Amino acid sequence: MFFERHSGGERAILVHLDGQDPEAREDPQEFRELALSAGADIVSFVNVPRHRPTAKYLVGSGKVEELRDLVKTEKSDIVIFNHVLTPSQERNLERVFECRVLDRTGLILDIFAQRARTHEGKLQVELAQLEHMSTRLVRGWTHLERQGGGIGLRGPGETQLETDRRLLRVRLRQIKGRLEKVRSQRDQARRGRSRADIPTVSIVGYTNAGKSTLFNAVTDSDVYAADQLFATLDPTLRRLEVKDLGPIVLADTVGFIRHLPHKLVEAFRATLEESSNSDLLLHVIDAHEPDRLEQIEQVMVVLGEIGAQDLPMLEVYNKLDLLEGVEPQIQRDADGKPQRVWVSARDGRGLDLLKQAIAEVLGNDLFVGTLRLTQEFARLRAQFFNLGAVQSEEHDEEGQSLLAVRLPRVEFNRLVSREGLQPLEFIEQHTLQ
C-alpha cells in the first residue's frame, strides 16, 4: 500500500467548525468519537463559532495563529479538522503548524484502514486513499520538484512529482481492475443464491447503531462488534432459517455516517451493492440516540447514492435495553404490513418478532403490474406462466406482449435476476405506467 496509516496514540488537537449552513454542520460529539476510533490522544478541542470559510486556511488568520501557539504548547503531533480541506488549505496549515494536518475525509479513511480485515476490504480502502491523496502529492516539499535518477522508475525528463503521479495512476488502474473482478464474483454469487430461490436480507444503518450485534444475535455468529464507529467494514453473509418462510441469506454491511465521503461510496461500491441487490433491507436505528431522525435521513441519502432507496425496507429500532417503558413490538402501517420492529440485540428481546416481520414482508409483498415484453424475454414470459402469475395477456401494435402479472416480489426479483437483469431497472424500463 502506498500510504500507510499513522500509528495510534498521536497527540491530536481537534478543530470543530460551527458553520453558517445547518445542512453542512457536523456533530462535535461524533467528531470526538471518530478521532478516538482512529486512536488519537485528544489534548485539546477547539470550537470555531459562527465560522465563515477562507480560501487560504479555511479559518481566519487570527485563529490560525491561535492554533499554531496551541500546537507548540501541547506539543501536538497532528491537527484534525471536522471539515473537508482543499489540498492547498492542508498544505498551508501544515507549513504554519509544522505538524500533520488531517481533514474529516482523511480521518474516516484512516479508521477504514484500521478496520479492513479482508483482501477486498483493504483494496477498497487503498483505492479511496489513493483517490484522496492524488490531489495532495505536491505537499509543498522541494524534493518532489527536482529531477533525479530513480533507477528503473523514472521516465525521460520526469520530475519526481511526475513519476509519483504516474506510478499512482498505474496502481489505481490495478486496484480498480481487481475490484471489478470482486464485483463480478459477488454478482455470480448473488445469481447463484437467486437460482437457489434464497432471498437476501441486508442489514444497513448508521454506524454504531448495533448492526453487527444484531447480526450475531440473530445468526448465532461471532462477527466483530464493538461500541465504536465503523467496527464492521467487511461484509459478512450467513444463512438463516426463518419460520414460515424458509432459508434466507442475511448480510451485515458497513455502517453509514453523515457526509460520508463520496470517494468511499465509490471505492466500496462492490460491498455496498450487496445492499442494493437485496430483497429486503433491515434499517437498524439506535432507538436511544437523540439525533436518530437526522441519522435516518443520512442513511437514506447513501442508499440513494447506491440505488437502494426504493427497496422494501423494515425499520429495526435497536437498543431497547437502554429505554424505559418500551416493550418489544411490531408496528404496522395502515394496510397492516410490518413497518418497524423494536428489539434489543444485546439481551435478545424482540428477535422472534423481527423474524416474524421478515417472514411477513418477504412472504406477502406482492408485485402487481403490466409488463411490456419483447421476444428476447420469451423465457421470462414462460416462467411467469409456469408460476401461474399471469392474470391476462394482450399484444400491442408492435407485437410486444403486454403481460399483467401478480406474484410475490421476492419471486419476481428472483426470476428477473436469473436473466442477468437488475429488478429495479427492469421494472422501470418494462412496466406500463
Protein backbone atom coordinates (compact mmCIF):
# COMPACT_ATOMS: atom_id res chain seq x y z
CA MET A 1 0.00 0.00 0.00
CA PHE A 2 1.36 3.41 -0.92
CA PHE A 3 0.03 5.30 2.08
CA GLU A 4 0.23 3.56 5.42
CA ARG A 5 -1.92 4.93 8.21
CA HIS A 6 -0.18 6.65 11.10
CA SER A 7 0.31 4.76 14.34
CA GLY A 8 -2.27 5.33 17.09
CA GLY A 9 -1.80 7.45 20.17
CA GLU A 10 -0.76 10.67 18.43
CA ARG A 11 -1.37 13.86 20.40
CA ALA A 12 -4.21 15.49 18.49
CA ILE A 13 -5.88 18.90 18.50
CA LEU A 14 -9.44 18.72 17.18
CA VAL A 15 -10.88 21.75 15.38
CA HIS A 16 -14.67 21.83 15.06
CA LEU A 17 -16.19 24.38 12.70
CA ASP A 18 -19.68 25.65 13.52
CA GLY A 19 -20.74 26.73 10.03
CA GLN A 20 -23.47 29.08 8.91
CA ASP A 21 -25.27 26.40 6.88
CA PRO A 22 -27.18 23.93 9.13
CA GLU A 23 -27.00 21.29 6.37
CA ALA A 24 -23.19 21.38 6.40
CA ARG A 25 -22.74 21.27 10.18
CA GLU A 26 -21.09 18.28 11.77
CA ASP A 27 -21.77 16.78 15.19
CA PRO A 28 -18.94 17.66 17.64
CA GLN A 29 -19.54 14.54 19.76
CA GLU A 30 -19.42 12.34 16.68
CA PHE A 31 -16.17 14.11 15.72
CA ARG A 32 -14.67 13.18 19.10
CA GLU A 33 -15.74 9.57 18.64
CA LEU A 34 -14.22 9.46 15.16
CA ALA A 35 -10.89 10.75 16.49
CA LEU A 36 -10.92 8.26 19.37
CA SER A 37 -11.80 5.44 16.96
CA ALA A 38 -8.71 6.40 14.94
CA GLY A 39 -6.59 6.03 18.08
CA ALA A 40 -5.95 9.74 18.67
CA ASP A 41 -4.93 11.09 22.07
CA ILE A 42 -7.08 14.24 22.21
CA VAL A 43 -5.16 17.00 24.00
CA SER A 44 -7.44 19.90 23.04
CA PHE A 45 -10.82 20.52 21.39
CA VAL A 46 -11.19 23.90 19.68
CA ASN A 47 -14.61 25.15 18.61
CA VAL A 48 -14.74 27.85 15.92
CA PRO A 49 -18.16 29.55 16.30
CA ARG A 50 -20.03 31.35 13.51
CA HIS A 51 -17.39 30.18 11.07
CA ARG A 52 -17.06 31.77 7.62
CA PRO A 53 -14.57 29.84 5.45
CA THR A 54 -11.49 31.50 3.95
CA ALA A 55 -9.69 30.31 0.83
CA LYS A 56 -6.18 30.12 2.30
CA TYR A 57 -6.68 28.41 5.66
CA LEU A 58 -10.44 27.70 5.83
CA VAL A 59 -10.36 29.53 9.21
CA GLY A 60 -9.29 33.14 9.79
CA SER A 61 -5.63 34.11 10.15
CA GLY A 62 -6.15 35.05 13.81
CA LYS A 63 -7.50 31.59 14.59
CA VAL A 64 -4.59 30.03 12.67
CA GLU A 65 -2.09 31.89 14.89
CA GLU A 66 -4.01 30.78 17.98
CA LEU A 67 -3.90 27.16 16.80
CA ARG A 68 -0.18 27.43 15.97
CA ASP A 69 0.57 28.53 19.54
CA LEU A 70 -1.63 25.73 20.89
CA VAL A 71 0.26 23.16 18.79
CA LYS A 72 3.54 24.29 20.35
CA THR A 73 2.12 24.42 23.88
CA GLU A 74 0.52 20.97 23.68
CA LYS A 75 3.38 19.50 21.61
CA SER A 76 0.75 18.18 19.24
CA ASP A 77 1.58 15.66 16.50
CA ILE A 78 -1.49 16.32 14.39
CA VAL A 79 -4.35 18.82 13.95
CA ILE A 80 -7.63 17.31 12.75
CA PHE A 81 -10.40 19.43 11.21
CA ASN A 82 -14.05 18.36 11.32
CA HIS A 83 -14.44 19.63 7.78
CA VAL A 84 -13.18 18.91 4.27
CA LEU A 85 -9.97 20.79 3.45
CA THR A 86 -8.71 21.54 -0.04
CA PRO A 87 -5.18 20.30 -0.81
CA SER A 88 -3.84 23.87 -0.74
CA GLN A 89 -5.51 24.61 2.62
CA GLU A 90 -4.00 21.45 4.06
CA ARG A 91 -0.51 22.40 2.82
CA ASN A 92 -0.82 25.99 4.05
CA LEU A 93 -1.86 24.86 7.52
CA GLU A 94 0.96 22.30 7.72
CA ARG A 95 3.51 24.99 6.90
CA VAL A 96 2.21 27.18 9.73
CA PHE A 97 1.69 24.44 12.33
CA GLU A 98 4.80 22.44 11.37
CA CYS A 99 2.89 19.22 12.02
CA ARG A 100 0.48 16.97 10.13
CA VAL A 101 -2.99 18.27 9.29
CA LEU A 102 -5.89 15.93 8.56
CA ASP A 103 -9.43 16.71 7.42
CA ARG A 104 -12.64 14.78 8.07
CA THR A 105 -12.27 12.66 4.93
CA GLY A 106 -8.70 11.70 5.83
CA LEU A 107 -9.80 10.83 9.36
CA ILE A 108 -12.56 8.49 8.16
CA LEU A 109 -10.16 6.92 5.65
CA ASP A 110 -7.71 6.24 8.48
CA ILE A 111 -10.39 4.47 10.51
CA PHE A 112 -11.35 2.40 7.49
CA ALA A 113 -7.69 1.45 7.00
CA GLN A 114 -7.56 0.15 10.57
CA ARG A 115 -10.82 -1.80 10.30
CA ALA A 116 -10.23 -3.52 6.94
CA ARG A 117 -9.51 -7.21 7.51
CA THR A 118 -10.14 -8.97 4.19
CA HIS A 119 -8.14 -8.56 1.00
CA GLU A 120 -11.17 -6.97 -0.66
CA GLY A 121 -11.66 -4.50 2.18
CA LYS A 122 -8.01 -3.47 2.09
CA LEU A 123 -8.16 -2.94 -1.67
CA GLN A 124 -11.23 -0.74 -1.32
CA VAL A 125 -9.60 1.34 1.40
CA GLU A 126 -6.42 1.73 -0.61
CA LEU A 127 -8.42 2.87 -3.64
CA ALA A 128 -10.16 5.55 -1.58
CA GLN A 129 -6.84 6.61 -0.01
CA LEU A 130 -5.11 6.91 -3.36
CA GLU A 131 -8.00 8.87 -4.87
CA HIS A 132 -7.86 11.22 -1.88
CA MET A 133 -4.07 11.55 -1.91
CA SER A 134 -3.78 12.02 -5.69
CA THR A 135 -4.64 15.71 -5.32
CA ARG A 136 -2.23 16.09 -2.40
CA LEU A 137 1.01 14.84 -3.94
CA VAL A 138 2.51 18.32 -4.25
CA ARG A 139 2.76 18.74 -0.48
CA GLY A 140 4.95 21.83 -0.98
CA TRP A 141 8.20 19.92 -0.44
CA THR A 142 11.07 20.78 -2.78
CA HIS A 143 12.41 17.23 -3.05
CA LEU A 144 9.38 16.36 -5.16
CA GLU A 145 10.21 19.03 -7.72
CA ARG A 146 13.77 18.07 -8.62
CA GLN A 147 14.75 15.73 -11.40
CA GLY A 148 16.65 12.72 -10.17
CA GLY A 149 17.70 9.21 -11.04
CA GLY A 150 15.03 6.88 -9.72
CA ILE A 151 16.56 3.66 -11.05
CA GLY A 152 14.14 1.75 -13.25
CA LEU A 153 11.24 4.06 -12.45
CA ARG A 154 11.85 7.47 -13.99
CA GLY A 155 10.62 8.30 -17.49
CA PRO A 156 12.65 10.57 -19.81
CA GLY A 157 12.85 14.05 -18.28
CA GLU A 158 10.38 13.27 -15.48
CA THR A 159 10.49 15.12 -12.19
CA GLN A 160 9.99 13.12 -9.00
CA LEU A 161 6.47 14.53 -8.75
CA GLU A 162 5.61 13.39 -12.29
CA THR A 163 6.97 9.93 -11.51
CA ASP A 164 4.92 9.71 -8.33
CA ARG A 165 1.78 10.69 -10.20
CA ARG A 166 2.42 8.18 -12.99
CA LEU A 167 3.03 5.33 -10.55
CA LEU A 168 -0.08 6.32 -8.64
CA ARG A 169 -2.18 6.17 -11.83
CA VAL A 170 -0.79 2.70 -12.55
CA ARG A 171 -1.67 1.49 -9.05
CA LEU A 172 -5.17 2.97 -9.33
CA ARG A 173 -5.77 1.03 -12.55
CA GLN A 174 -4.53 -2.18 -10.91
CA ILE A 175 -6.82 -1.82 -7.89
CA LYS A 176 -9.86 -0.89 -9.98
CA GLY A 177 -9.24 -3.96 -12.15
CA ARG A 178 -9.07 -6.24 -9.11
CA LEU A 179 -12.20 -4.71 -7.58
CA GLU A 180 -14.04 -5.18 -10.87
CA LYS A 181 -13.27 -8.90 -10.55
CA VAL A 182 -14.62 -8.80 -6.98
CA ARG A 183 -17.84 -7.19 -8.22
CA SER A 184 -18.15 -9.89 -10.88
CA GLN A 185 -17.62 -12.65 -8.29
CA ARG A 186 -20.20 -11.11 -5.97
CA ASP A 187 -22.65 -10.84 -8.86
CA GLN A 188 -22.15 -14.53 -9.68
CA ALA A 189 -22.72 -15.45 -6.03
CA ARG A 190 -25.94 -13.41 -5.96
CA ARG A 191 -27.16 -15.14 -9.12
CA GLY A 192 -26.37 -18.48 -7.51
CA ARG A 193 -28.49 -17.59 -4.49
CA SER A 194 -31.24 -16.40 -6.82
CA ARG A 195 -31.22 -19.72 -8.71
CA ALA A 196 -31.45 -21.49 -5.36
CA ASP A 197 -34.53 -19.38 -4.52
CA ILE A 198 -32.89 -17.90 -1.41
CA PRO A 199 -33.79 -14.25 -0.71
CA THR A 200 -31.12 -11.86 0.57
CA VAL A 201 -31.77 -9.56 3.53
CA SER A 202 -29.18 -6.82 4.16
CA ILE A 203 -28.62 -5.00 7.43
CA VAL A 204 -27.96 -1.30 6.88
CA GLY A 205 -27.87 1.70 9.18
CA TYR A 206 -25.86 4.45 10.78
CA THR A 207 -22.50 3.47 12.20
CA ASN A 208 -22.61 2.13 15.77
CA ALA A 209 -26.37 1.51 15.65
CA GLY A 210 -25.78 -2.11 16.70
CA LYS A 211 -25.93 -3.80 13.30
CA SER A 212 -23.23 -6.40 13.96
CA THR A 213 -24.57 -7.13 17.44
CA LEU A 214 -27.99 -7.75 15.88
CA PHE A 215 -26.42 -9.89 13.14
CA ASN A 216 -24.62 -12.02 15.73
CA ALA A 217 -27.72 -12.38 17.90
CA VAL A 218 -29.95 -13.47 15.02
CA THR A 219 -27.46 -15.80 13.30
CA ASP A 220 -25.55 -17.01 16.38
CA SER A 221 -22.31 -15.75 14.82
CA ASP A 222 -19.22 -14.03 16.21
CA VAL A 223 -18.70 -11.12 13.80
CA TYR A 224 -16.59 -8.39 15.42
CA ALA A 225 -18.89 -5.96 17.22
CA ALA A 226 -17.85 -3.08 19.46
CA ASP A 227 -19.11 0.24 20.79
CA GLN A 228 -17.11 2.24 18.26
CA LEU A 229 -17.62 3.83 14.87
CA PHE A 230 -17.12 1.57 11.84
CA ALA A 231 -16.43 -1.58 13.88
CA THR A 232 -17.57 -3.55 10.82
CA LEU A 233 -16.08 -2.85 7.42
CA ASP A 234 -16.06 -6.13 5.52
CA PRO A 235 -19.45 -7.63 4.58
CA THR A 236 -20.42 -10.92 6.20
CA LEU A 237 -23.13 -13.28 4.93
CA ARG A 238 -24.86 -16.05 6.88
CA ARG A 239 -27.68 -18.44 6.02
CA LEU A 240 -30.63 -18.23 8.39
CA GLU A 241 -33.79 -20.34 8.68
CA VAL A 242 -36.93 -18.24 9.17
CA LYS A 243 -40.15 -19.91 10.29
CA ASP A 244 -42.98 -19.83 7.71
CA LEU A 245 -40.54 -18.57 5.06
CA GLY A 246 -37.55 -20.90 4.79
CA PRO A 247 -33.87 -20.04 4.33
CA ILE A 248 -32.62 -16.51 3.76
CA VAL A 249 -29.13 -15.02 3.43
CA LEU A 250 -28.51 -12.27 5.98
CA ALA A 251 -25.78 -9.73 5.11
CA ASP A 252 -24.03 -7.44 7.59
CA THR A 253 -22.58 -4.37 5.84
CA VAL A 254 -20.51 -1.27 6.54
CA GLY A 255 -22.17 1.48 8.56
CA PHE A 256 -23.04 4.89 7.16
CA ILE A 257 -22.27 8.33 8.57
CA ARG A 258 -23.32 11.90 7.82
CA HIS A 259 -21.46 13.37 4.86
CA LEU A 260 -19.83 10.03 4.06
CA PRO A 261 -17.03 10.92 1.62
CA HIS A 262 -18.09 10.22 -1.95
CA LYS A 263 -14.70 8.58 -2.60
CA LEU A 264 -15.59 5.96 0.00
CA VAL A 265 -19.00 5.32 -1.53
CA GLU A 266 -17.33 4.78 -4.91
CA ALA A 267 -14.49 2.65 -3.52
CA PHE A 268 -16.88 0.46 -1.52
CA ARG A 269 -19.42 0.09 -4.31
CA ALA A 270 -18.69 -3.65 -4.60
CA THR A 271 -19.53 -4.04 -0.91
CA LEU A 272 -22.50 -1.67 -0.91
CA GLU A 273 -24.02 -3.43 -3.92
CA GLU A 274 -24.72 -6.30 -1.53
CA SER A 275 -27.39 -3.98 -0.12
CA SER A 276 -28.65 -2.58 -3.42
CA ASN A 277 -29.35 -6.09 -4.76
CA SER A 278 -31.19 -7.33 -1.68
CA ASP A 279 -34.80 -8.46 -1.46
CA LEU A 280 -35.23 -6.63 1.86
CA LEU A 281 -33.30 -4.04 3.86
CA LEU A 282 -33.26 -4.07 7.65
CA HIS A 283 -32.59 -0.45 8.58
CA VAL A 284 -31.16 -0.67 12.10
CA ILE A 285 -31.75 2.50 14.13
CA ASP A 286 -30.32 3.38 17.54
CA ALA A 287 -33.55 4.00 19.48
CA HIS A 288 -31.56 5.61 22.30
CA GLU A 289 -29.86 8.18 20.04
CA PRO A 290 -31.31 11.74 20.35
CA ASP A 291 -30.28 12.56 16.75
CA ARG A 292 -31.75 9.39 15.26
CA LEU A 293 -34.04 11.26 12.83
CA GLU A 294 -31.03 13.00 11.28
CA GLN A 295 -29.16 9.70 11.17
CA ILE A 296 -32.10 8.05 9.40
CA GLU A 297 -32.02 10.84 6.82
CA GLN A 298 -28.27 10.39 6.24
CA VAL A 299 -28.70 6.63 5.73
CA MET A 300 -31.39 7.29 3.12
CA VAL A 301 -29.03 9.70 1.32
CA VAL A 302 -26.35 6.99 0.98
CA LEU A 303 -28.94 4.38 -0.05
CA GLY A 304 -30.00 6.82 -2.76
CA GLU A 305 -26.39 7.04 -3.99
CA ILE A 306 -26.22 3.27 -4.48
CA GLY A 307 -29.72 2.97 -5.95
CA ALA A 308 -31.24 1.13 -2.98
CA GLN A 309 -33.67 3.74 -1.67
CA ASP A 310 -36.75 2.09 -3.23
CA LEU A 311 -36.11 -1.45 -1.98
CA PRO A 312 -38.54 -2.97 0.56
CA MET A 313 -37.40 -1.84 4.00
CA LEU A 314 -38.13 -2.79 7.58
CA GLU A 315 -37.03 -0.37 10.31
CA VAL A 316 -35.44 -2.07 13.31
CA TYR A 317 -35.30 0.14 16.41
CA ASN A 318 -32.46 -1.36 18.43
CA LYS A 319 -31.04 -0.84 21.97
CA LEU A 320 -34.40 -1.28 23.65
CA ASP A 321 -32.46 -2.25 26.79
CA LEU A 322 -31.43 1.42 27.18
CA LEU A 323 -35.04 2.67 27.17
CA GLU A 324 -37.58 2.58 29.98
CA GLY A 325 -41.19 1.56 29.48
CA VAL A 326 -40.80 0.37 25.87
CA GLU A 327 -41.56 -3.26 25.08
CA PRO A 328 -40.63 -5.34 22.02
CA GLN A 329 -43.30 -4.87 19.37
CA ILE A 330 -44.13 -4.81 15.67
CA GLN A 331 -45.59 -1.52 14.43
CA ARG A 332 -47.66 -1.76 11.26
CA ASP A 333 -48.76 0.64 8.53
CA ALA A 334 -52.36 1.42 7.53
CA ASP A 335 -52.53 -1.80 5.48
CA GLY A 336 -51.34 -3.94 8.39
CA LYS A 337 -47.87 -4.58 6.94
CA PRO A 338 -44.89 -4.59 9.33
CA GLN A 339 -43.18 -1.20 9.23
CA ARG A 340 -40.84 -1.21 12.24
CA VAL A 341 -39.79 -3.63 14.95
CA TRP A 342 -38.50 -2.69 18.41
CA VAL A 343 -35.77 -5.04 19.67
CA SER A 344 -32.73 -5.36 21.90
CA ALA A 345 -29.90 -7.17 20.16
CA ARG A 346 -27.97 -7.17 23.43
CA ASP A 347 -30.47 -9.15 25.54
CA GLY A 348 -32.37 -10.82 22.68
CA ARG A 349 -35.80 -9.33 23.34
CA GLY A 350 -37.89 -8.91 20.20
CA LEU A 351 -35.73 -11.04 17.91
CA ASP A 352 -38.58 -13.54 17.44
CA LEU A 353 -40.80 -10.62 16.37
CA LEU A 354 -38.12 -9.48 13.92
CA LYS A 355 -38.04 -12.90 12.25
CA GLN A 356 -41.85 -12.90 12.13
CA ALA A 357 -41.83 -9.48 10.45
CA ILE A 358 -39.21 -10.61 7.91
CA ALA A 359 -41.36 -13.63 7.03
CA GLU A 360 -44.45 -11.45 6.63
CA VAL A 361 -42.74 -8.85 4.44
CA LEU A 362 -40.97 -11.32 2.16
CA GLY A 363 -43.93 -13.68 2.01
CA ASN A 364 -46.68 -11.11 1.42
CA ASP A 365 -45.07 -8.26 -0.51
CA LEU A 366 -46.56 -8.57 -4.00
CA PHE A 367 -45.51 -7.22 -7.36
CA VAL A 368 -48.61 -6.30 -9.34
CA GLY A 369 -48.23 -4.66 -12.74
CA THR A 370 -48.32 -4.95 -16.52
CA LEU A 371 -45.04 -5.71 -18.26
CA ARG A 372 -44.20 -4.88 -21.87
CA LEU A 373 -42.00 -7.77 -23.07
CA THR A 374 -40.28 -8.16 -26.42
CA GLN A 375 -39.39 -11.54 -27.95
CA GLU A 376 -35.99 -11.51 -26.20
CA PHE A 377 -37.84 -12.05 -22.90
CA ALA A 378 -39.72 -15.16 -24.14
CA ARG A 379 -38.14 -17.37 -21.49
CA LEU A 380 -39.05 -14.93 -18.72
CA ARG A 381 -42.62 -14.77 -20.06
CA ALA A 382 -42.83 -18.58 -19.96
CA GLN A 383 -41.62 -18.61 -16.34
CA PHE A 384 -44.38 -16.18 -15.32
CA PHE A 385 -46.92 -18.53 -16.91
CA ASN A 386 -45.37 -21.59 -15.23
CA LEU A 387 -45.78 -19.92 -11.83
CA GLY A 388 -49.43 -19.10 -12.52
CA ALA A 389 -48.61 -15.41 -12.05
CA VAL A 390 -50.17 -14.17 -15.32
CA GLN A 391 -53.60 -12.58 -14.95
CA SER A 392 -54.02 -11.59 -18.60
CA GLU A 393 -52.04 -11.09 -21.81
CA GLU A 394 -52.52 -8.75 -24.75
CA HIS A 395 -50.28 -7.62 -27.62
CA ASP A 396 -49.59 -4.11 -28.84
CA GLU A 397 -49.24 -2.94 -32.45
CA GLU A 398 -45.55 -3.89 -32.48
CA GLY A 399 -46.28 -7.44 -31.38
CA GLN A 400 -44.93 -6.97 -27.88
CA SER A 401 -46.53 -8.94 -25.08
CA LEU A 402 -48.45 -6.88 -22.50
CA LEU A 403 -48.38 -9.23 -19.54
CA ALA A 404 -50.43 -8.47 -16.41
CA VAL A 405 -48.75 -10.34 -13.55
CA ARG A 406 -49.27 -10.75 -9.82
CA LEU A 407 -46.74 -12.63 -7.65
CA PRO A 408 -44.61 -12.24 -4.51
CA ARG A 409 -41.99 -9.56 -5.08
CA VAL A 410 -39.25 -11.91 -3.88
CA GLU A 411 -40.24 -14.39 -6.59
CA PHE A 412 -40.41 -11.62 -9.19
CA ASN A 413 -36.91 -10.41 -8.24
CA ARG A 414 -35.53 -13.95 -8.48
CA LEU A 415 -36.96 -14.54 -11.97
CA VAL A 416 -35.61 -11.24 -13.28
CA SER A 417 -32.20 -11.74 -11.63
CA ARG A 418 -31.86 -15.18 -13.22
CA GLU A 419 -31.90 -13.43 -16.59
CA GLY A 420 -28.93 -11.32 -15.51
CA LEU A 421 -31.08 -8.21 -15.02
CA GLN A 422 -31.45 -5.72 -12.17
CA PRO A 423 -35.06 -5.95 -10.84
CA LEU A 424 -35.48 -2.22 -10.15
CA GLU A 425 -34.11 -1.24 -13.57
CA PHE A 426 -36.26 -3.88 -15.26
CA ILE A 427 -39.42 -2.59 -13.54
CA GLU A 428 -38.59 0.98 -14.53
CA GLN A 429 -37.97 0.09 -18.18
CA HIS A 430 -40.67 -2.52 -18.83
CA THR A 431 -43.65 -1.68 -16.60
CA LEU A 432 -46.59 0.22 -18.08
CA GLN A 433 -47.43 3.29 -16.05
